[in-house]
């Protein structure tokens, strides 16, 4: 089996590549410019030499079609695109193009290729907006509250349309927040963990945070890439919510991270109004029952396990830097 991972340099792309390699896949991964991209995540997982990396501009149909024609993948995983909700308010055009237009190009290229290629699209729990206490399932209406979520809704609808109109094996994983040590520092979870680790080692810095009252379902990224693969092994393509089923506030996340390092978070964190978004989701709650029933998938770590694993890794990295 040959898999093409679009956006292999990111958190999910790297973990997925590792999983697919362990299953005996040949893995090709794309980046906008593979010759200048560092692929640090692949290197940190020890798999860079086992992956073929190629350049592909996902917003350029010719580039997409050429790569698919040249490498003839059996499966395509679309994990590329601007991935920060906060940044999407500052770069809405790039966000829409890198997610929605890129997904359209991939679907069109698969249709033009005219052979069976199984396609996975990375959706997002952000599409649901505020769930108002109800756990979102695959039938819950979308109410996006950011340019990022609008782009993801558009991509989701395109996948559904091409599946119904052209019979493509195309599905979307509606993934809620999922974290790991490979998360970039611009994401709030990694920002919190790394700051706490530095403070525990003697840093006198203050951690600036926005709204601590938002609540999310946080899971473990290596779990979620397994769900992606399982979706493409089904007899029929359909969409799945992927989450732990447990929702906690950002306040809880901060408190538990600092407690891991024997710190009191109020002594080191400050509120910064500039970090508040123009619109935000107060409560994100998920029902992953369909994935559990049909895929046989269940999260191995909830928020507490995620925090422990991320903090352990950050502490180890701080000790390594100190030595």
C-alpha atoms as a PDB file:
ATOM      1  CA  UNK A   1       0.000   0.000   0.000  1.00  0.00           C
ATOM      2  CA  UNK A   2       1.168   3.495  -0.839  1.00  0.00           C
ATOM      3  CA  UNK A   3      -0.037   6.528   1.076  1.00  0.00           C
ATOM      4  CA  UNK A   4       0.301  10.216   0.255  1.00  0.00           C
ATOM      5  CA  UNK A   5       0.240  12.464   3.324  1.00  0.00           C
ATOM      6  CA  UNK A   6      -0.377  16.112   2.480  1.00  0.00           C
ATOM      7  CA  UNK A   7       1.202  18.179   5.243  1.00  0.00           C
ATOM      8  CA  UNK A   8       3.478  15.456   6.568  1.00  0.00           C
ATOM      9  CA  UNK A   9       5.638  17.948   8.466  1.00  0.00           C
ATOM     10  CA  UNK A  10       2.954  18.779  11.020  1.00  0.00           C
ATOM     11  CA  UNK A  11       2.052  17.034  14.255  1.00  0.00           C
ATOM     12  CA  UNK A  12      -0.580  14.717  12.761  1.00  0.00           C
ATOM     13  CA  UNK A  13       1.346  14.083   9.561  1.00  0.00           C
ATOM     14  CA  UNK A  14       4.411  12.883  11.442  1.00  0.00           C
ATOM     15  CA  UNK A  15       2.518  10.553  13.768  1.00  0.00           C
ATOM     16  CA  UNK A  16       0.450   9.188  10.893  1.00  0.00           C
ATOM     17  CA  UNK A  17       3.599   8.545   8.846  1.00  0.00           C
ATOM     18  CA  UNK A  18       5.082   6.585  11.747  1.00  0.00           C
ATOM     19  CA  UNK A  19       1.946   4.479  12.090  1.00  0.00           C
ATOM     20  CA  UNK A  20       1.676   3.760   8.385  1.00  0.00           C
ATOM     21  CA  UNK A  21       5.339   2.789   8.136  1.00  0.00           C
ATOM     22  CA  UNK A  22       4.837   0.333  10.995  1.00  0.00           C
ATOM     23  CA  UNK A  23       2.007  -1.225   8.956  1.00  0.00           C
ATOM     24  CA  UNK A  24       4.277  -1.717   5.942  1.00  0.00           C
ATOM     25  CA  UNK A  25       3.101   1.236   3.862  1.00  0.00           C
ATOM     26  CA  UNK A  26       5.247   3.157   1.438  1.00  0.00           C
ATOM     27  CA  UNK A  27       4.819   6.759   2.576  1.00  0.00           C
ATOM     28  CA  UNK A  28       5.137   9.874   0.434  1.00  0.00           C
ATOM     29  CA  UNK A  29       4.737  13.204   2.185  1.00  0.00           C
ATOM     30  CA  UNK A  30       4.199  16.654   0.761  1.00  0.00           C
ATOM     31  CA  UNK A  31       5.272  20.119   1.755  1.00  0.00           C
ATOM     32  CA  UNK A  32       5.009  23.344  -0.205  1.00  0.00           C
ATOM     33  CA  UNK A  33       8.797  23.299  -0.671  1.00  0.00           C
ATOM     34  CA  UNK A  34      10.239  19.954   0.375  1.00  0.00           C
ATOM     35  CA  UNK A  35      13.774  21.079  -0.443  1.00  0.00           C
ATOM     36  CA  UNK A  36      13.837  23.817   2.205  1.00  0.00           C
ATOM     37  CA  UNK A  37      11.490  22.327   4.825  1.00  0.00           C
ATOM     38  CA  UNK A  38      13.325  20.931   7.855  1.00  0.00           C
ATOM     39  CA  UNK A  39      10.821  18.174   8.741  1.00  0.00           C
ATOM     40  CA  UNK A  40      11.899  18.314  12.381  1.00  0.00           C
ATOM     41  CA  UNK A  41       8.928  16.229  13.515  1.00  0.00           C
ATOM     42  CA  UNK A  42       9.875  13.361  11.218  1.00  0.00           C
ATOM     43  CA  UNK A  43      13.438  13.573  12.468  1.00  0.00           C
ATOM     44  CA  UNK A  44      12.366  13.592  16.124  1.00  0.00           C
ATOM     45  CA  UNK A  45      10.343  10.412  15.532  1.00  0.00           C
ATOM     46  CA  UNK A  46      13.303   8.803  13.775  1.00  0.00           C
ATOM     47  CA  UNK A  47      11.491   8.206  10.483  1.00  0.00           C
ATOM     48  CA  UNK A  48      12.715  10.939   8.134  1.00  0.00           C
ATOM     49  CA  UNK A  49      14.933   8.594   6.124  1.00  0.00           C
ATOM     50  CA  UNK A  50      12.006   6.189   5.617  1.00  0.00           C
ATOM     51  CA  UNK A  51       9.726   8.751   3.998  1.00  0.00           C
ATOM     52  CA  UNK A  52       9.812  10.184   0.483  1.00  0.00           C
ATOM     53  CA  UNK A  53       9.188  13.934   0.650  1.00  0.00           C
ATOM     54  CA  UNK A  54       7.993  15.905  -2.377  1.00  0.00           C
ATOM     55  CA  UNK A  55       7.000  19.494  -3.103  1.00  0.00           C
ATOM     56  CA  UNK A  56       3.326  20.221  -3.714  1.00  0.00           C
ATOM     57  CA  UNK A  57       1.366  23.469  -3.622  1.00  0.00           C
ATOM     58  CA  UNK A  58      -2.071  22.313  -2.511  1.00  0.00           C
ATOM     59  CA  UNK A  59      -3.791  25.484  -3.784  1.00  0.00           C
ATOM     60  CA  UNK A  60      -2.394  24.820  -7.301  1.00  0.00           C
ATOM     61  CA  UNK A  61      -4.407  22.165  -9.162  1.00  0.00           C
ATOM     62  CA  UNK A  62      -1.620  21.361 -11.606  1.00  0.00           C
ATOM     63  CA  UNK A  63       0.813  20.741  -8.746  1.00  0.00           C
ATOM     64  CA  UNK A  64      -1.661  18.488  -6.950  1.00  0.00           C
ATOM     65  CA  UNK A  65      -2.590  16.509 -10.031  1.00  0.00           C
ATOM     66  CA  UNK A  66       1.047  16.043 -11.043  1.00  0.00           C
ATOM     67  CA  UNK A  67       1.997  14.571  -7.664  1.00  0.00           C
ATOM     68  CA  UNK A  68      -0.971  12.198  -7.607  1.00  0.00           C
ATOM     69  CA  UNK A  69      -0.265  11.081 -11.177  1.00  0.00           C
ATOM     70  CA  UNK A  70       3.451  10.584 -10.473  1.00  0.00           C
ATOM     71  CA  UNK A  71       3.151   8.595  -7.220  1.00  0.00           C
ATOM     72  CA  UNK A  72      -0.183   6.789  -7.733  1.00  0.00           C
ATOM     73  CA  UNK A  73      -1.189   6.524  -4.060  1.00  0.00           C
ATOM     74  CA  UNK A  74      -3.789   4.076  -2.786  1.00  0.00           C
ATOM     75  CA  UNK A  75      -4.695   6.410   0.067  1.00  0.00           C
ATOM     76  CA  UNK A  76      -4.453  10.193   0.439  1.00  0.00           C
ATOM     77  CA  UNK A  77      -4.549  11.939   3.803  1.00  0.00           C
ATOM     78  CA  UNK A  78      -5.261  15.663   3.579  1.00  0.00           C
ATOM     79  CA  UNK A  79      -3.653  17.140   6.714  1.00  0.00           C
ATOM     80  CA  UNK A  80      -2.269  20.315   5.177  1.00  0.00           C
ATOM     81  CA  UNK A  81      -3.442  23.892   5.550  1.00  0.00           C
ATOM     82  CA  UNK A  82      -3.266  26.726   8.041  1.00  0.00           C
ATOM     83  CA  UNK A  83      -4.045  25.059  11.373  1.00  0.00           C
ATOM     84  CA  UNK A  84      -4.357  27.887  13.923  1.00  0.00           C
ATOM     85  CA  UNK A  85      -7.808  29.218  14.821  1.00  0.00           C
ATOM     86  CA  UNK A  86      -6.345  32.422  16.246  1.00  0.00           C
ATOM     87  CA  UNK A  87      -4.139  33.064  13.222  1.00  0.00           C
ATOM     88  CA  UNK A  88      -7.112  32.606  10.897  1.00  0.00           C
ATOM     89  CA  UNK A  89      -8.544  35.923  12.103  1.00  0.00           C
ATOM     90  CA  UNK A  90      -5.321  37.619  10.966  1.00  0.00           C
ATOM     91  CA  UNK A  91      -4.931  35.616   7.749  1.00  0.00           C
ATOM     92  CA  UNK A  92      -8.445  34.675   6.611  1.00  0.00           C
ATOM     93  CA  UNK A  93      -7.707  34.516   2.878  1.00  0.00           C
ATOM     94  CA  UNK A  94      -4.726  32.218   3.267  1.00  0.00           C
ATOM     95  CA  UNK A  95      -6.724  30.073   5.683  1.00  0.00           C
ATOM     96  CA  UNK A  96      -9.608  29.626   3.244  1.00  0.00           C
ATOM     97  CA  UNK A  97      -7.302  28.906   0.322  1.00  0.00           C
ATOM     98  CA  UNK A  98      -5.013  26.502   2.174  1.00  0.00           C
ATOM     99  CA  UNK A  99      -7.944  24.464   3.516  1.00  0.00           C
ATOM    100  CA  UNK A 100     -10.987  24.783   1.247  1.00  0.00           C
ATOM    101  CA  UNK A 101      -9.333  25.318  -2.150  1.00  0.00           C
ATOM    102  CA  UNK A 102      -6.700  22.693  -1.378  1.00  0.00           C
ATOM    103  CA  UNK A 103      -9.383  20.135  -0.531  1.00  0.00           C
ATOM    104  CA  UNK A 104     -11.241  20.920  -3.748  1.00  0.00           C
ATOM    105  CA  UNK A 105      -8.052  20.462  -5.784  1.00  0.00           C
ATOM    106  CA  UNK A 106      -7.382  17.077  -4.190  1.00  0.00           C
ATOM    107  CA  UNK A 107     -10.933  15.870  -4.812  1.00  0.00           C
ATOM    108  CA  UNK A 108     -10.858  17.047  -8.429  1.00  0.00           C
ATOM    109  CA  UNK A 109      -7.482  15.417  -9.018  1.00  0.00           C
ATOM    110  CA  UNK A 110      -8.767  12.114  -7.629  1.00  0.00           C
ATOM    111  CA  UNK A 111     -11.843  12.356  -9.841  1.00  0.00           C
ATOM    112  CA  UNK A 112      -9.750  13.103 -12.913  1.00  0.00           C
ATOM    113  CA  UNK A 113      -7.356  10.263 -12.129  1.00  0.00           C
ATOM    114  CA  UNK A 114     -10.239   7.861 -12.599  1.00  0.00           C
ATOM    115  CA  UNK A 115      -9.147   5.039 -10.306  1.00  0.00           C
ATOM    116  CA  UNK A 116      -9.962   4.072  -6.743  1.00  0.00           C
ATOM    117  CA  UNK A 117      -8.091   6.259  -4.274  1.00  0.00           C
ATOM    118  CA  UNK A 118      -9.297   6.445  -0.685  1.00  0.00           C
ATOM    119  CA  UNK A 119      -9.302  10.003   0.632  1.00  0.00           C
ATOM    120  CA  UNK A 120      -9.223  11.236   4.219  1.00  0.00           C
ATOM    121  CA  UNK A 121      -9.934  14.891   4.988  1.00  0.00           C
ATOM    122  CA  UNK A 122      -8.993  16.524   8.287  1.00  0.00           C
ATOM    123  CA  UNK A 123     -12.086  18.206   9.680  1.00  0.00           C
ATOM    124  CA  UNK A 124     -12.449  19.972  13.012  1.00  0.00           C
ATOM    125  CA  UNK A 125     -14.698  20.132  16.042  1.00  0.00           C
ATOM    126  CA  UNK A 126     -14.445  23.910  15.625  1.00  0.00           C
ATOM    127  CA  UNK A 127     -17.078  23.549  12.904  1.00  0.00           C
ATOM    128  CA  UNK A 128     -19.808  23.014  15.512  1.00  0.00           C
ATOM    129  CA  UNK A 129     -19.234  26.297  17.307  1.00  0.00           C
ATOM    130  CA  UNK A 130     -20.758  26.485  20.780  1.00  0.00           C
ATOM    131  CA  UNK A 131     -22.452  23.172  21.544  1.00  0.00           C
ATOM    132  CA  UNK A 132     -24.390  24.746  24.454  1.00  0.00           C
ATOM    133  CA  UNK A 133     -23.903  21.747  26.704  1.00  0.00           C
ATOM    134  CA  UNK A 134     -24.914  19.141  24.109  1.00  0.00           C
ATOM    135  CA  UNK A 135     -22.315  16.674  22.868  1.00  0.00           C
ATOM    136  CA  UNK A 136     -21.799  17.156  19.124  1.00  0.00           C
ATOM    137  CA  UNK A 137     -22.226  14.117  16.894  1.00  0.00           C
ATOM    138  CA  UNK A 138     -22.013  13.609  13.148  1.00  0.00           C
ATOM    139  CA  UNK A 139     -25.591  14.932  12.755  1.00  0.00           C
ATOM    140  CA  UNK A 140     -25.111  18.137  14.767  1.00  0.00           C
ATOM    141  CA  UNK A 141     -25.443  21.286  12.583  1.00  0.00           C
ATOM    142  CA  UNK A 142     -22.312  23.339  11.955  1.00  0.00           C
ATOM    143  CA  UNK A 143     -22.128  26.899  13.318  1.00  0.00           C
ATOM    144  CA  UNK A 144     -18.551  28.084  12.661  1.00  0.00           C
ATOM    145  CA  UNK A 145     -17.186  31.038  14.624  1.00  0.00           C
ATOM    146  CA  UNK A 146     -13.815  31.659  12.943  1.00  0.00           C
ATOM    147  CA  UNK A 147     -12.381  31.834   9.412  1.00  0.00           C
ATOM    148  CA  UNK A 148     -10.623  28.548  10.220  1.00  0.00           C
ATOM    149  CA  UNK A 149     -13.912  26.858  11.076  1.00  0.00           C
ATOM    150  CA  UNK A 150     -15.619  28.340   7.997  1.00  0.00           C
ATOM    151  CA  UNK A 151     -12.855  26.860   5.837  1.00  0.00           C
ATOM    152  CA  UNK A 152     -13.205  23.466   7.514  1.00  0.00           C
ATOM    153  CA  UNK A 153     -16.982  23.482   7.036  1.00  0.00           C
ATOM    154  CA  UNK A 154     -16.485  24.265   3.344  1.00  0.00           C
ATOM    155  CA  UNK A 155     -13.990  21.429   2.968  1.00  0.00           C
ATOM    156  CA  UNK A 156     -16.323  19.046   4.815  1.00  0.00           C
ATOM    157  CA  UNK A 157     -19.196  19.917   2.490  1.00  0.00           C
ATOM    158  CA  UNK A 158     -17.001  19.460  -0.580  1.00  0.00           C
ATOM    159  CA  UNK A 159     -15.996  15.985   0.574  1.00  0.00           C
ATOM    160  CA  UNK A 160     -19.624  15.023   1.143  1.00  0.00           C
ATOM    161  CA  UNK A 161     -20.626  16.414  -2.245  1.00  0.00           C
ATOM    162  CA  UNK A 162     -17.914  14.550  -4.154  1.00  0.00           C
ATOM    163  CA  UNK A 163     -18.722  11.340  -2.278  1.00  0.00           C
ATOM    164  CA  UNK A 164     -22.400  11.586  -3.208  1.00  0.00           C
ATOM    165  CA  UNK A 165     -21.982  13.005  -6.717  1.00  0.00           C
ATOM    166  CA  UNK A 166     -19.052  10.979  -8.038  1.00  0.00           C
ATOM    167  CA  UNK A 167     -18.897   7.929  -5.793  1.00  0.00           C
ATOM    168  CA  UNK A 168     -15.461   8.775  -4.399  1.00  0.00           C
ATOM    169  CA  UNK A 169     -14.307   7.015  -1.262  1.00  0.00           C
ATOM    170  CA  UNK A 170     -13.911  10.274   0.617  1.00  0.00           C
ATOM    171  CA  UNK A 171     -14.522  10.945   4.291  1.00  0.00           C
ATOM    172  CA  UNK A 172     -13.884  13.581   6.942  1.00  0.00           C
ATOM    173  CA  UNK A 173     -12.638  13.019  10.450  1.00  0.00           C
ATOM    174  CA  UNK A 174     -14.236  15.692  12.636  1.00  0.00           C
ATOM    175  CA  UNK A 175     -11.392  15.841  15.120  1.00  0.00           C
ATOM    176  CA  UNK A 176     -11.633  17.764  18.351  1.00  0.00           C
ATOM    177  CA  UNK A 177      -8.476  19.226  19.937  1.00  0.00           C
ATOM    178  CA  UNK A 178      -5.591  16.784  20.095  1.00  0.00           C
ATOM    179  CA  UNK A 179      -2.165  17.515  21.512  1.00  0.00           C
ATOM    180  CA  UNK A 180       1.341  16.082  21.820  1.00  0.00           C
ATOM    181  CA  UNK A 181       4.960  17.184  22.296  1.00  0.00           C
ATOM    182  CA  UNK A 182       5.024  17.854  18.534  1.00  0.00           C
ATOM    183  CA  UNK A 183       2.528  20.711  18.874  1.00  0.00           C
ATOM    184  CA  UNK A 184       4.045  24.064  17.781  1.00  0.00           C
ATOM    185  CA  UNK A 185       4.607  26.556  20.589  1.00  0.00           C
ATOM    186  CA  UNK A 186       1.990  28.939  19.117  1.00  0.00           C
ATOM    187  CA  UNK A 187      -0.766  26.587  20.318  1.00  0.00           C
ATOM    188  CA  UNK A 188      -1.937  27.424  23.822  1.00  0.00           C
ATOM    189  CA  UNK A 189      -1.461  23.931  25.267  1.00  0.00           C
ATOM    190  CA  UNK A 190       2.194  23.748  24.252  1.00  0.00           C
ATOM    191  CA  UNK A 191       2.702  27.375  25.241  1.00  0.00           C
ATOM    192  CA  UNK A 192       1.478  26.590  28.760  1.00  0.00           C
ATOM    193  CA  UNK A 193       3.476  23.377  29.134  1.00  0.00           C
ATOM    194  CA  UNK A 194       6.753  24.823  27.904  1.00  0.00           C
ATOM    195  CA  UNK A 195       6.421  27.977  30.023  1.00  0.00           C
ATOM    196  CA  UNK A 196       5.715  25.944  33.160  1.00  0.00           C
ATOM    197  CA  UNK A 197       8.711  23.711  32.463  1.00  0.00           C
ATOM    198  CA  UNK A 198      11.002  26.739  32.072  1.00  0.00           C
ATOM    199  CA  UNK A 199       9.644  28.380  35.226  1.00  0.00           C
ATOM    200  CA  UNK A 200      10.209  25.161  37.153  1.00  0.00           C
ATOM    201  CA  UNK A 201      13.848  25.300  36.017  1.00  0.00           C
ATOM    202  CA  UNK A 202      14.252  28.870  37.314  1.00  0.00           C
ATOM    203  CA  UNK A 203      12.833  31.188  34.659  1.00  0.00           C
ATOM    204  CA  UNK A 204      11.235  34.367  36.031  1.00  0.00           C
ATOM    205  CA  UNK A 205       8.973  34.894  33.014  1.00  0.00           C
ATOM    206  CA  UNK A 206       5.227  35.473  33.162  1.00  0.00           C
ATOM    207  CA  UNK A 207       2.797  33.440  31.085  1.00  0.00           C
ATOM    208  CA  UNK A 208       0.286  35.580  29.180  1.00  0.00           C
ATOM    209  CA  UNK A 209      -3.095  33.956  28.630  1.00  0.00           C
ATOM    210  CA  UNK A 210      -6.457  34.900  27.159  1.00  0.00           C
ATOM    211  CA  UNK A 211      -9.851  33.505  28.163  1.00  0.00           C
ATOM    212  CA  UNK A 212      -9.432  30.680  30.682  1.00  0.00           C
ATOM    213  CA  UNK A 213     -13.166  29.943  30.772  1.00  0.00           C
ATOM    214  CA  UNK A 214     -13.276  28.242  27.366  1.00  0.00           C
ATOM    215  CA  UNK A 215     -13.744  24.477  27.552  1.00  0.00           C
ATOM    216  CA  UNK A 216     -12.534  21.872  25.085  1.00  0.00           C
ATOM    217  CA  UNK A 217     -12.256  18.129  24.572  1.00  0.00           C
ATOM    218  CA  UNK A 218      -8.482  17.520  24.549  1.00  0.00           C
ATOM    219  CA  UNK A 219      -7.055  14.237  23.299  1.00  0.00           C
ATOM    220  CA  UNK A 220      -3.768  12.584  22.380  1.00  0.00           C
ATOM    221  CA  UNK A 221      -2.640  13.085  18.764  1.00  0.00           C
ATOM    222  CA  UNK A 222      -1.145   9.580  18.265  1.00  0.00           C
ATOM    223  CA  UNK A 223      -4.577   8.150  19.122  1.00  0.00           C
ATOM    224  CA  UNK A 224      -6.285  10.326  16.556  1.00  0.00           C
ATOM    225  CA  UNK A 225      -4.117   9.357  13.581  1.00  0.00           C
ATOM    226  CA  UNK A 226      -5.072   5.734  14.242  1.00  0.00           C
ATOM    227  CA  UNK A 227      -8.718   6.783  13.801  1.00  0.00           C
ATOM    228  CA  UNK A 228      -7.820   8.375  10.452  1.00  0.00           C
ATOM    229  CA  UNK A 229      -6.389   5.117   9.157  1.00  0.00           C
ATOM    230  CA  UNK A 230      -9.349   3.113  10.426  1.00  0.00           C
ATOM    231  CA  UNK A 231     -11.739   5.356   8.497  1.00  0.00           C
ATOM    232  CA  UNK A 232     -10.090   4.440   5.209  1.00  0.00           C
ATOM    233  CA  UNK A 233     -10.310   0.700   5.934  1.00  0.00           C
ATOM    234  CA  UNK A 234     -14.126   0.656   6.042  1.00  0.00           C
ATOM    235  CA  UNK A 235     -16.312  -0.841   3.323  1.00  0.00           C
ATOM    236  CA  UNK A 236     -18.120   2.468   2.857  1.00  0.00           C
ATOM    237  CA  UNK A 237     -16.911   6.021   3.311  1.00  0.00           C
ATOM    238  CA  UNK A 238     -18.571   8.070   6.032  1.00  0.00           C
ATOM    239  CA  UNK A 239     -17.647  10.822   8.470  1.00  0.00           C
ATOM    240  CA  UNK A 240     -16.729  10.405  12.137  1.00  0.00           C
ATOM    241  CA  UNK A 241     -16.391  12.594  15.218  1.00  0.00           C
ATOM    242  CA  UNK A 242     -13.089  11.795  16.941  1.00  0.00           C
ATOM    243  CA  UNK A 243     -12.729  12.896  20.559  1.00  0.00           C
ATOM    244  CA  UNK A 244     -12.331  11.597  24.112  1.00  0.00           C
ATOM    245  CA  UNK A 245     -15.842  12.464  25.268  1.00  0.00           C
ATOM    246  CA  UNK A 246     -14.503  14.504  28.205  1.00  0.00           C
ATOM    247  CA  UNK A 247     -14.542  18.310  28.229  1.00  0.00           C
ATOM    248  CA  UNK A 248     -12.565  20.503  30.632  1.00  0.00           C
ATOM    249  CA  UNK A 249     -11.807  24.223  30.828  1.00  0.00           C
ATOM    250  CA  UNK A 250      -8.547  25.878  29.886  1.00  0.00           C
ATOM    251  CA  UNK A 251      -8.388  26.936  33.533  1.00  0.00           C
ATOM    252  CA  UNK A 252      -8.234  23.227  34.449  1.00  0.00           C
ATOM    253  CA  UNK A 253      -5.484  22.631  31.896  1.00  0.00           C
ATOM    254  CA  UNK A 254      -3.352  25.473  33.274  1.00  0.00           C
ATOM    255  CA  UNK A 255      -3.904  24.417  36.876  1.00  0.00           C
ATOM    256  CA  UNK A 256      -2.959  20.788  36.246  1.00  0.00           C
ATOM    257  CA  UNK A 257       0.136  21.650  34.190  1.00  0.00           C
ATOM    258  CA  UNK A 258       1.543  23.945  36.870  1.00  0.00           C
ATOM    259  CA  UNK A 259       0.648  21.437  39.588  1.00  0.00           C
ATOM    260  CA  UNK A 260       2.713  18.824  37.698  1.00  0.00           C
ATOM    261  CA  UNK A 261       5.747  21.081  38.221  1.00  0.00           C
ATOM    262  CA  UNK A 262       4.760  21.855  41.844  1.00  0.00           C
ATOM    263  CA  UNK A 263       3.893  25.453  40.948  1.00  0.00           C
ATOM    264  CA  UNK A 264       0.908  27.681  41.715  1.00  0.00           C
ATOM    265  CA  UNK A 265      -0.240  28.975  38.351  1.00  0.00           C
ATOM    266  CA  UNK A 266      -1.664  32.272  39.719  1.00  0.00           C
ATOM    267  CA  UNK A 267       1.861  33.290  40.736  1.00  0.00           C
ATOM    268  CA  UNK A 268       3.163  33.039  37.173  1.00  0.00           C
ATOM    269  CA  UNK A 269       0.287  33.774  34.765  1.00  0.00           C
ATOM    270  CA  UNK A 270      -1.225  37.100  33.713  1.00  0.00           C
ATOM    271  CA  UNK A 271      -4.318  37.961  31.690  1.00  0.00           C
ATOM    272  CA  UNK A 272      -3.747  39.633  28.316  1.00  0.00           C
ATOM    273  CA  UNK A 273      -6.785  41.124  26.557  1.00  0.00           C
ATOM    274  CA  UNK A 274      -4.864  41.152  23.265  1.00  0.00           C
ATOM    275  CA  UNK A 275      -5.039  37.348  23.233  1.00  0.00           C
ATOM    276  CA  UNK A 276      -8.847  37.333  23.179  1.00  0.00           C
ATOM    277  CA  UNK A 277     -10.346  36.353  19.823  1.00  0.00           C
ATOM    278  CA  UNK A 278     -13.004  38.403  17.995  1.00  0.00           C
ATOM    279  CA  UNK A 279     -15.287  35.369  18.410  1.00  0.00           C
ATOM    280  CA  UNK A 280     -14.631  32.223  20.384  1.00  0.00           C
ATOM    281  CA  UNK A 281     -16.227  28.935  21.350  1.00  0.00           C
ATOM    282  CA  UNK A 282     -17.049  28.826  25.045  1.00  0.00           C
ATOM    283  CA  UNK A 283     -17.872  25.114  25.169  1.00  0.00           C
ATOM    284  CA  UNK A 284     -16.827  22.323  22.844  1.00  0.00           C
ATOM    285  CA  UNK A 285     -18.312  18.941  23.727  1.00  0.00           C
ATOM    286  CA  UNK A 286     -18.183  15.767  21.632  1.00  0.00           C
ATOM    287  CA  UNK A 287     -19.901  12.404  21.256  1.00  0.00           C
ATOM    288  CA  UNK A 288     -17.435   9.909  19.699  1.00  0.00           C
ATOM    289  CA  UNK A 289     -19.903   7.016  19.967  1.00  0.00           C
ATOM    290  CA  UNK A 290     -20.027   6.307  16.230  1.00  0.00           C
ATOM    291  CA  UNK A 291     -16.230   5.927  16.041  1.00  0.00           C
ATOM    292  CA  UNK A 292     -16.296   3.606  19.039  1.00  0.00           C
ATOM    293  CA  UNK A 293     -19.067   1.440  17.563  1.00  0.00           C
ATOM    294  CA  UNK A 294     -18.062   1.267  13.905  1.00  0.00           C
ATOM    295  CA  UNK A 295     -14.292   1.815  13.946  1.00  0.00           C
ATOM    296  CA  UNK A 296     -13.629   0.081  17.242  1.00  0.00           C
ATOM    297  CA  UNK A 297     -11.677   3.189  18.199  1.00  0.00           C
ATOM    298  CA  UNK A 298     -11.407   4.747  21.626  1.00  0.00           C
ATOM    299  CA  UNK A 299      -9.016   7.322  23.055  1.00  0.00           C
ATOM    300  CA  UNK A 300      -6.291   5.847  25.242  1.00  0.00           C
ATOM    301  CA  UNK A 301      -5.622   9.175  26.997  1.00  0.00           C
ATOM    302  CA  UNK A 302      -7.939  11.920  28.182  1.00  0.00           C
ATOM    303  CA  UNK A 303      -6.814  15.386  29.243  1.00  0.00           C
ATOM    304  CA  UNK A 304      -4.983  14.137  32.351  1.00  0.00           C
ATOM    305  CA  UNK A 305      -2.944  11.643  30.356  1.00  0.00           C
ATOM    306  CA  UNK A 306      -2.208  14.266  27.716  1.00  0.00           C
ATOM    307  CA  UNK A 307      -0.963  16.711  30.358  1.00  0.00           C
ATOM    308  CA  UNK A 308       1.258  14.122  32.026  1.00  0.00           C
ATOM    309  CA  UNK A 309       2.835  13.062  28.725  1.00  0.00           C
ATOM    310  CA  UNK A 310       3.427  16.596  27.481  1.00  0.00           C
ATOM    311  CA  UNK A 311       4.832  17.783  30.823  1.00  0.00           C
ATOM    312  CA  UNK A 312       7.121  14.772  31.118  1.00  0.00           C
ATOM    313  CA  UNK A 313       8.528  15.464  27.663  1.00  0.00           C
ATOM    314  CA  UNK A 314       8.955  19.201  28.350  1.00  0.00           C
ATOM    315  CA  UNK A 315      10.719  18.519  31.655  1.00  0.00           C
ATOM    316  CA  UNK A 316      13.073  16.099  29.944  1.00  0.00           C
ATOM    317  CA  UNK A 317      13.880  18.650  27.230  1.00  0.00           C
ATOM    318  CA  UNK A 318      14.588  21.337  29.851  1.00  0.00           C
ATOM    319  CA  UNK A 319      16.972  18.995  31.696  1.00  0.00           C
ATOM    320  CA  UNK A 320      18.692  18.232  28.390  1.00  0.00           C
ATOM    321  CA  UNK A 321      19.156  21.936  27.648  1.00  0.00           C
ATOM    322  CA  UNK A 322      20.517  22.568  31.137  1.00  0.00           C
ATOM    323  CA  UNK A 323      23.084  19.816  30.741  1.00  0.00           C
END
